[in-house]
All heavy atoms as atom14 arrays in JSON, in Angstrom:
{
  "sequence": "SCPLLGVVRCQHYPPLRALQASATLRRASDEHKKEP",
  "atom14_mask": [
    [1, 1, 1, 1, 1, 1, 0, 0, 0, 0, 0, 0, 0, 0],
    [1, 1, 1, 1, 1, 1, 0, 0, 0, 0, 0, 0, 0, 0],
    [1, 1, 1, 1, 1, 1, 1, 0, 0, 0, 0, 0, 0, 0],
    [1, 1, 1, 1, 1, 1, 1, 1, 0, 0, 0, 0, 0, 0],
    [1, 1, 1, 1, 1, 1, 1, 1, 0, 0, 0, 0, 0, 0],
    [1, 1, 1, 1, 0, 0, 0, 0, 0, 0, 0, 0, 0, 0],
    [1, 1, 1, 1, 1, 1, 1, 0, 0, 0, 0, 0, 0, 0],
    [1, 1, 1, 1, 1, 1, 1, 0, 0, 0, 0, 0, 0, 0],
    [1, 1, 1, 1, 1, 1, 1, 1, 1, 1, 1, 0, 0, 0],
    [1, 1, 1, 1, 1, 1, 0, 0, 0, 0, 0, 0, 0, 0],
    [1, 1, 1, 1, 1, 1, 1, 1, 1, 0, 0, 0, 0, 0],
    [1, 1, 1, 1, 1, 1, 1, 1, 1, 1, 0, 0, 0, 0],
    [1, 1, 1, 1, 1, 1, 1, 1, 1, 1, 1, 1, 0, 0],
    [1, 1, 1, 1, 1, 1, 1, 0, 0, 0, 0, 0, 0, 0],
    [1, 1, 1, 1, 1, 1, 1, 0, 0, 0, 0, 0, 0, 0],
    [1, 1, 1, 1, 1, 1, 1, 1, 0, 0, 0, 0, 0, 0],
    [1, 1, 1, 1, 1, 1, 1, 1, 1, 1, 1, 0, 0, 0],
    [1, 1, 1, 1, 1, 0, 0, 0, 0, 0, 0, 0, 0, 0],
    [1, 1, 1, 1, 1, 1, 1, 1, 0, 0, 0, 0, 0, 0],
    [1, 1, 1, 1, 1, 1, 1, 1, 1, 0, 0, 0, 0, 0],
    [1, 1, 1, 1, 1, 0, 0, 0, 0, 0, 0, 0, 0, 0],
    [1, 1, 1, 1, 1, 1, 0, 0, 0, 0, 0, 0, 0, 0],
    [1, 1, 1, 1, 1, 0, 0, 0, 0, 0, 0, 0, 0, 0],
    [1, 1, 1, 1, 1, 1, 1, 0, 0, 0, 0, 0, 0, 0],
    [1, 1, 1, 1, 1, 1, 1, 1, 0, 0, 0, 0, 0, 0],
    [1, 1, 1, 1, 1, 1, 1, 1, 1, 1, 1, 0, 0, 0],
    [1, 1, 1, 1, 1, 1, 1, 1, 1, 1, 1, 0, 0, 0],
    [1, 1, 1, 1, 1, 0, 0, 0, 0, 0, 0, 0, 0, 0],
    [1, 1, 1, 1, 1, 1, 0, 0, 0, 0, 0, 0, 0, 0],
    [1, 1, 1, 1, 1, 1, 1, 1, 0, 0, 0, 0, 0, 0],
    [1, 1, 1, 1, 1, 1, 1, 1, 1, 0, 0, 0, 0, 0],
    [1, 1, 1, 1, 1, 1, 1, 1, 1, 1, 0, 0, 0, 0],
    [1, 1, 1, 1, 1, 1, 1, 1, 1, 0, 0, 0, 0, 0],
    [1, 1, 1, 1, 1, 1, 1, 1, 1, 0, 0, 0, 0, 0],
    [1, 1, 1, 1, 1, 1, 1, 1, 1, 0, 0, 0, 0, 0],
    [1, 1, 1, 1, 1, 1, 1, 0, 0, 0, 0, 0, 0, 0]
  ],
  "atom14_positions": [
    [[-20.13, -79.71, -85.29], [-19.5, -80.16, -84.07], [-19.52, -81.66, -83.93], [-18.76, -82.22, -83.16], [-20.21, -79.53, -82.87], [-21.56, -79.92, -82.86], [0.0, 0.0, 0.0], [0.0, 0.0, 0.0], [0.0, 0.0, 0.0], [0.0, 0.0, 0.0], [0.0, 0.0, 0.0], [0.0, 0.0, 0.0], [0.0, 0.0, 0.0], [0.0, 0.0, 0.0]],
    [[-20.35, -82.35, -84.65], [-20.41, -83.8, -84.54], [-20.9, -84.38, -85.85], [-21.85, -83.86, -86.44], [-21.36, -84.2, -83.41], [-21.58, -86.0, -83.26], [0.0, 0.0, 0.0], [0.0, 0.0, 0.0], [0.0, 0.0, 0.0], [0.0, 0.0, 0.0], [0.0, 0.0, 0.0], [0.0, 0.0, 0.0], [0.0, 0.0, 0.0], [0.0, 0.0, 0.0]],
    [[-20.26, -85.45, -86.33], [-20.71, -86.02, -87.6], [-22.11, -86.58, -87.52], [-22.79, -86.71, -88.53], [-19.68, -87.14, -87.84], [-19.1, -87.44, -86.5], [-19.12, -86.15, -85.76], [0.0, 0.0, 0.0], [0.0, 0.0, 0.0], [0.0, 0.0, 0.0], [0.0, 0.0, 0.0], [0.0, 0.0, 0.0], [0.0, 0.0, 0.0], [0.0, 0.0, 0.0]],
    [[-22.58, -86.94, -86.31], [-23.93, -87.45, -86.18], [-24.97, -86.39, -86.46], [-26.12, -86.69, -86.75], [-24.13, -88.0, -84.76], [-23.2, -89.17, -84.38], [-23.43, -89.57, -82.94], [-23.43, -90.37, -85.3], [0.0, 0.0, 0.0], [0.0, 0.0, 0.0], [0.0, 0.0, 0.0], [0.0, 0.0, 0.0], [0.0, 0.0, 0.0], [0.0, 0.0, 0.0]],
    [[-24.56, -85.12, -86.39], [-25.47, -84.02, -86.67], [-25.4, -83.6, -88.13], [-26.13, -82.72, -88.56], [-25.14, -82.81, -85.78], [-25.25, -83.06, -84.27], [-24.86, -81.79, -83.53], [-26.65, -83.49, -83.9], [0.0, 0.0, 0.0], [0.0, 0.0, 0.0], [0.0, 0.0, 0.0], [0.0, 0.0, 0.0], [0.0, 0.0, 0.0], [0.0, 0.0, 0.0]],
    [[-24.5, -84.21, -88.85], [-24.36, -83.87, -90.28], [-23.16, -82.98, -90.48], [-23.02, -81.95, -89.85], [0.0, 0.0, 0.0], [0.0, 0.0, 0.0], [0.0, 0.0, 0.0], [0.0, 0.0, 0.0], [0.0, 0.0, 0.0], [0.0, 0.0, 0.0], [0.0, 0.0, 0.0], [0.0, 0.0, 0.0], [0.0, 0.0, 0.0], [0.0, 0.0, 0.0]],
    [[-22.25, -83.38, -91.35], [-21.02, -82.64, -91.57], [-21.24, -81.56, -92.6], [-21.74, -81.8, -93.68], [-19.89, -83.58, -92.04], [-18.64, -82.8, -92.32], [-19.63, -84.64, -90.98], [0.0, 0.0, 0.0], [0.0, 0.0, 0.0], [0.0, 0.0, 0.0], [0.0, 0.0, 0.0], [0.0, 0.0, 0.0], [0.0, 0.0, 0.0], [0.0, 0.0, 0.0]],
    [[-20.88, -80.36, -92.25], [-20.94, -79.23, -93.18], [-19.55, -79.06, -93.78], [-18.56, -79.01, -93.06], [-21.36, -77.95, -92.44], [-21.37, -76.79, -93.41], [-22.72, -78.14, -91.79], [0.0, 0.0, 0.0], [0.0, 0.0, 0.0], [0.0, 0.0, 0.0], [0.0, 0.0, 0.0], [0.0, 0.0, 0.0], [0.0, 0.0, 0.0], [0.0, 0.0, 0.0]],
    [[-19.47, -79.0, -95.11], [-18.18, -78.87, -95.76], [-17.48, -77.6, -95.35], [-18.08, -76.59, -95.1], [-18.34, -78.87, -97.28], [-18.88, -80.13, -97.88], [-18.05, -81.36, -97.54], [-16.62, -81.08, -97.57], [-15.93, -80.79, -98.66], [-16.52, -80.74, -99.83], [-14.63, -80.55, -98.6], [0.0, 0.0, 0.0], [0.0, 0.0, 0.0], [0.0, 0.0, 0.0]],
    [[-16.16, -77.7, -95.27], [-15.36, -76.54, -94.9], [-15.5, -75.45, -95.95], [-15.63, -75.73, -97.13], [-13.88, -76.92, -94.8], [-13.49, -77.88, -93.34], [0.0, 0.0, 0.0], [0.0, 0.0, 0.0], [0.0, 0.0, 0.0], [0.0, 0.0, 0.0], [0.0, 0.0, 0.0], [0.0, 0.0, 0.0], [0.0, 0.0, 0.0], [0.0, 0.0, 0.0]],
    [[-15.47, -74.23, -95.49], [-15.48, -73.09, -96.39], [-14.11, -72.46, -96.37], [-13.61, -72.1, -95.31], [-16.52, -72.06, -95.97], [-17.94, -72.59, -96.06], [-18.93, -71.56, -95.63], [-18.56, -70.49, -95.17], [-20.21, -71.87, -95.8], [0.0, 0.0, 0.0], [0.0, 0.0, 0.0], [0.0, 0.0, 0.0], [0.0, 0.0, 0.0], [0.0, 0.0, 0.0]],
    [[-13.47, -72.37, -97.53], [-12.14, -71.78, -97.59], [-12.24, -70.26, -97.6], [-12.95, -69.68, -98.39], [-11.42, -72.25, -98.87], [-11.16, -73.72, -98.87], [-10.17, -74.3, -98.12], [-11.79, -74.74, -99.51], [-10.16, -75.61, -98.31], [-11.14, -75.9, -99.15], [0.0, 0.0, 0.0], [0.0, 0.0, 0.0], [0.0, 0.0, 0.0], [0.0, 0.0, 0.0]],
    [[-11.56, -69.67, -96.7], [-11.54, -68.22, -96.66], [-10.25, -67.79, -95.99], [-9.72, -68.48, -95.14], [-12.72, -67.65, -95.87], [-12.75, -68.1, -94.43], [-12.13, -67.34, -93.44], [-13.37, -69.28, -94.07], [-12.16, -67.75, -92.12], [-13.38, -69.71, -92.76], [-12.78, -68.94, -91.8], [-12.8, -69.36, -90.5], [0.0, 0.0, 0.0], [0.0, 0.0, 0.0]],
    [[-9.7, -66.64, -96.38], [-8.47, -66.18, -95.76], [-8.73, -65.65, -94.37], [-9.45, -64.66, -94.21], [-7.98, -65.06, -96.71], [-9.21, -64.63, -97.44], [-10.15, -65.79, -97.48], [0.0, 0.0, 0.0], [0.0, 0.0, 0.0], [0.0, 0.0, 0.0], [0.0, 0.0, 0.0], [0.0, 0.0, 0.0], [0.0, 0.0, 0.0], [0.0, 0.0, 0.0]],
    [[-8.18, -66.24, -93.33], [-8.44, -65.78, -91.96], [-7.57, -64.58, -91.62], [-6.66, -64.65, -90.82], [-8.04, -67.0, -91.13], [-6.96, -67.64, -91.92], [-7.29, -67.39, -93.36], [0.0, 0.0, 0.0], [0.0, 0.0, 0.0], [0.0, 0.0, 0.0], [0.0, 0.0, 0.0], [0.0, 0.0, 0.0], [0.0, 0.0, 0.0], [0.0, 0.0, 0.0]],
    [[-7.84, -63.46, -92.26], [-7.0, -62.29, -92.12], [-7.8, -61.13, -91.58], [-8.98, -60.98, -91.84], [-6.41, -61.9, -93.49], [-5.72, -63.05, -94.25], [-5.42, -62.6, -95.67], [-4.45, -63.46, -93.54], [0.0, 0.0, 0.0], [0.0, 0.0, 0.0], [0.0, 0.0, 0.0], [0.0, 0.0, 0.0], [0.0, 0.0, 0.0], [0.0, 0.0, 0.0]],
    [[-7.13, -60.25, -90.83], [-7.81, -59.09, -90.27], [-8.05, -58.06, -91.36], [-7.36, -57.98, -92.36], [-6.98, -58.49, -89.13], [-5.64, -57.92, -89.56], [-4.78, -57.63, -88.33], [-3.48, -57.11, -88.69], [-3.16, -55.85, -88.72], [-4.08, -54.95, -88.45], [-1.94, -55.46, -89.03], [0.0, 0.0, 0.0], [0.0, 0.0, 0.0], [0.0, 0.0, 0.0]],
    [[-9.09, -57.24, -91.17], [-9.49, -56.28, -92.19], [-8.43, -55.22, -92.4], [-7.72, -54.84, -91.49], [-10.8, -55.62, -91.78], [0.0, 0.0, 0.0], [0.0, 0.0, 0.0], [0.0, 0.0, 0.0], [0.0, 0.0, 0.0], [0.0, 0.0, 0.0], [0.0, 0.0, 0.0], [0.0, 0.0, 0.0], [0.0, 0.0, 0.0], [0.0, 0.0, 0.0]],
    [[-8.32, -54.72, -93.62], [-7.41, -53.64, -93.91], [-8.1, -52.31, -93.64], [-9.31, -52.19, -93.73], [-6.99, -53.7, -95.38], [-6.28, -54.98, -95.79], [-5.95, -54.91, -97.26], [-5.03, -55.2, -94.98], [0.0, 0.0, 0.0], [0.0, 0.0, 0.0], [0.0, 0.0, 0.0], [0.0, 0.0, 0.0], [0.0, 0.0, 0.0], [0.0, 0.0, 0.0]],
    [[-7.31, -51.32, -93.37], [-7.83, -49.98, -93.13], [-7.38, -49.05, -94.24], [-6.21, -49.02, -94.6], [-7.32, -49.45, -91.77], [-7.77, -50.29, -90.59], [-9.27, -50.26, -90.43], [-9.91, -49.24, -90.69], [-9.84, -51.36, -90.0], [0.0, 0.0, 0.0], [0.0, 0.0, 0.0], [0.0, 0.0, 0.0], [0.0, 0.0, 0.0], [0.0, 0.0, 0.0]],
    [[-8.33, -48.29, -94.76], [-8.07, -47.26, -95.77], [-7.31, -47.82, -96.95], [-6.29, -47.3, -97.36], [-7.3, -46.09, -95.15], [0.0, 0.0, 0.0], [0.0, 0.0, 0.0], [0.0, 0.0, 0.0], [0.0, 0.0, 0.0], [0.0, 0.0, 0.0], [0.0, 0.0, 0.0], [0.0, 0.0, 0.0], [0.0, 0.0, 0.0], [0.0, 0.0, 0.0]],
    [[-7.8, -48.94, -97.51], [-7.07, -49.57, -98.6], [-6.99, -48.67, -99.83], [-5.97, -48.6, -100.49], [-7.73, -50.9, -98.96], [-9.07, -50.68, -99.37], [0.0, 0.0, 0.0], [0.0, 0.0, 0.0], [0.0, 0.0, 0.0], [0.0, 0.0, 0.0], [0.0, 0.0, 0.0], [0.0, 0.0, 0.0], [0.0, 0.0, 0.0], [0.0, 0.0, 0.0]],
    [[-8.08, -47.99, -100.17], [-8.07, -47.17, -101.38], [-7.13, -45.98, -101.25], [-6.63, -45.46, -102.24], [-9.48, -46.68, -101.67], [0.0, 0.0, 0.0], [0.0, 0.0, 0.0], [0.0, 0.0, 0.0], [0.0, 0.0, 0.0], [0.0, 0.0, 0.0], [0.0, 0.0, 0.0], [0.0, 0.0, 0.0], [0.0, 0.0, 0.0], [0.0, 0.0, 0.0]],
    [[-6.88, -45.54, -100.03], [-6.01, -44.39, -99.81], [-4.61, -44.67, -100.33], [-3.91, -43.79, -100.81], [-5.95, -44.04, -98.32], [-7.29, -43.82, -97.86], [-5.11, -42.8, -98.08], [0.0, 0.0, 0.0], [0.0, 0.0, 0.0], [0.0, 0.0, 0.0], [0.0, 0.0, 0.0], [0.0, 0.0, 0.0], [0.0, 0.0, 0.0], [0.0, 0.0, 0.0]],
    [[-4.19, -45.94, -100.25], [-2.85, -46.3, -100.71], [-2.7, -46.01, -102.2], [-1.73, -45.42, -102.63], [-2.6, -47.78, -100.44], [-2.33, -48.15, -98.99], [-2.26, -49.66, -98.85], [-1.03, -47.53, -98.53], [0.0, 0.0, 0.0], [0.0, 0.0, 0.0], [0.0, 0.0, 0.0], [0.0, 0.0, 0.0], [0.0, 0.0, 0.0], [0.0, 0.0, 0.0]],
    [[-3.69, -46.45, -102.99], [-3.59, -46.2, -104.43], [-3.72, -44.72, -104.74], [-3.07, -44.19, -105.62], [-4.66, -46.99, -105.18], [-4.62, -46.74, -106.67], [-5.38, -47.78, -107.42], [-4.72, -49.06, -107.31], [-3.66, -49.39, -108.05], [-3.18, -48.54, -108.94], [-3.11, -50.56, -107.92], [0.0, 0.0, 0.0], [0.0, 0.0, 0.0], [0.0, 0.0, 0.0]],
    [[-4.58, -44.03, -103.99], [-4.71, -42.6, -104.21], [-3.38, -41.9, -103.95], [-2.94, -41.06, -104.72], [-5.79, -42.02, -103.29], [-5.96, -40.53, -103.45], [-6.99, -40.0, -102.45], [-8.28, -40.62, -102.68], [-9.33, -40.38, -101.9], [-9.21, -39.59, -100.85], [-10.47, -40.97, -102.16], [0.0, 0.0, 0.0], [0.0, 0.0, 0.0], [0.0, 0.0, 0.0]],
    [[-2.7, -42.32, -102.86], [-1.43, -41.69, -102.52], [-0.36, -41.99, -103.56], [0.46, -41.15, -103.89], [-0.97, -42.17, -101.14], [0.0, 0.0, 0.0], [0.0, 0.0, 0.0], [0.0, 0.0, 0.0], [0.0, 0.0, 0.0], [0.0, 0.0, 0.0], [0.0, 0.0, 0.0], [0.0, 0.0, 0.0], [0.0, 0.0, 0.0], [0.0, 0.0, 0.0]],
    [[-0.41, -43.23, -104.08], [0.61, -43.6, -105.07], [0.36, -42.94, -106.42], [1.28, -42.79, -107.21], [0.63, -45.13, -105.24], [-0.6, -45.56, -105.76], [0.0, 0.0, 0.0], [0.0, 0.0, 0.0], [0.0, 0.0, 0.0], [0.0, 0.0, 0.0], [0.0, 0.0, 0.0], [0.0, 0.0, 0.0], [0.0, 0.0, 0.0], [0.0, 0.0, 0.0]],
    [[-0.88, -42.58, -106.7], [-1.21, -41.97, -107.98], [-1.04, -40.45, -108.0], [-0.76, -39.86, -109.02], [-2.66, -42.29, -108.38], [-2.83, -43.75, -108.75], [-1.79, -44.38, -109.03], [-3.98, -44.21, -108.76], [0.0, 0.0, 0.0], [0.0, 0.0, 0.0], [0.0, 0.0, 0.0], [0.0, 0.0, 0.0], [0.0, 0.0, 0.0], [0.0, 0.0, 0.0]],
    [[-1.19, -39.84, -106.81], [-1.18, -38.38, -106.77], [0.15, -37.8, -107.25], [0.2, -36.82, -107.97], [-1.49, -37.9, -105.35], [-2.98, -37.94, -105.02], [-3.26, -37.43, -103.62], [-2.29, -37.34, -102.83], [-4.41, -37.12, -103.33], [0.0, 0.0, 0.0], [0.0, 0.0, 0.0], [0.0, 0.0, 0.0], [0.0, 0.0, 0.0], [0.0, 0.0, 0.0]],
    [[1.27, -38.46, -106.82], [2.56, -37.86, -107.16], [2.9, -38.05, -108.63], [3.82, -37.43, -109.15], [3.67, -38.47, -106.3], [4.05, -39.85, -106.71], [3.33, -40.97, -106.32], [5.06, -40.3, -107.49], [3.89, -42.05, -106.83], [4.93, -41.67, -107.55], [0.0, 0.0, 0.0], [0.0, 0.0, 0.0], [0.0, 0.0, 0.0], [0.0, 0.0, 0.0]],
    [[2.14, -38.95, -109.33], [2.4, -39.17, -110.75], [1.71, -38.12, -111.63], [2.06, -37.96, -112.8], [1.92, -40.57, -111.15], [2.62, -41.68, -110.39], [2.07, -43.03, -110.82], [2.72, -44.15, -110.03], [2.17, -45.46, -110.41], [0.0, 0.0, 0.0], [0.0, 0.0, 0.0], [0.0, 0.0, 0.0], [0.0, 0.0, 0.0], [0.0, 0.0, 0.0]],
    [[0.71, -37.46, -111.09], [-0.07, -36.51, -111.9], [0.52, -35.11, -111.8], [0.78, -34.61, -110.71], [-1.53, -36.5, -111.43], [-2.22, -37.84, -111.62], [-3.7, -37.76, -111.27], [-4.39, -39.09, -111.55], [-5.82, -39.03, -111.24], [0.0, 0.0, 0.0], [0.0, 0.0, 0.0], [0.0, 0.0, 0.0], [0.0, 0.0, 0.0], [0.0, 0.0, 0.0]],
    [[0.73, -34.48, -112.95], [1.28, -33.14, -112.98], [0.19, -32.16, -113.37], [-0.67, -32.46, -114.2], [2.42, -33.07, -114.0], [3.58, -34.0, -113.63], [4.69, -33.91, -114.64], [4.49, -33.17, -115.64], [5.74, -34.53, -114.45], [0.0, 0.0, 0.0], [0.0, 0.0, 0.0], [0.0, 0.0, 0.0], [0.0, 0.0, 0.0], [0.0, 0.0, 0.0]],
    [[0.2, -30.95, -112.83], [-0.84, -29.96, -113.16], [-0.7, -29.48, -114.6], [0.38, -29.39, -115.15], [-0.56, -28.82, -112.17], [0.87, -28.98, -111.79], [1.16, -30.45, -111.81], [0.0, 0.0, 0.0], [0.0, 0.0, 0.0], [0.0, 0.0, 0.0], [0.0, 0.0, 0.0], [0.0, 0.0, 0.0], [0.0, 0.0, 0.0], [0.0, 0.0, 0.0]]
  ]
}
């Protein structure tokens, strides 16, 4: 908050909201490719 207190270097990170059920997408995309 103030350079007199010592500057902490910025940390780069993507300011994005969390994804929901990310693995489900790949599972859904793979299921129709597999034949019994």
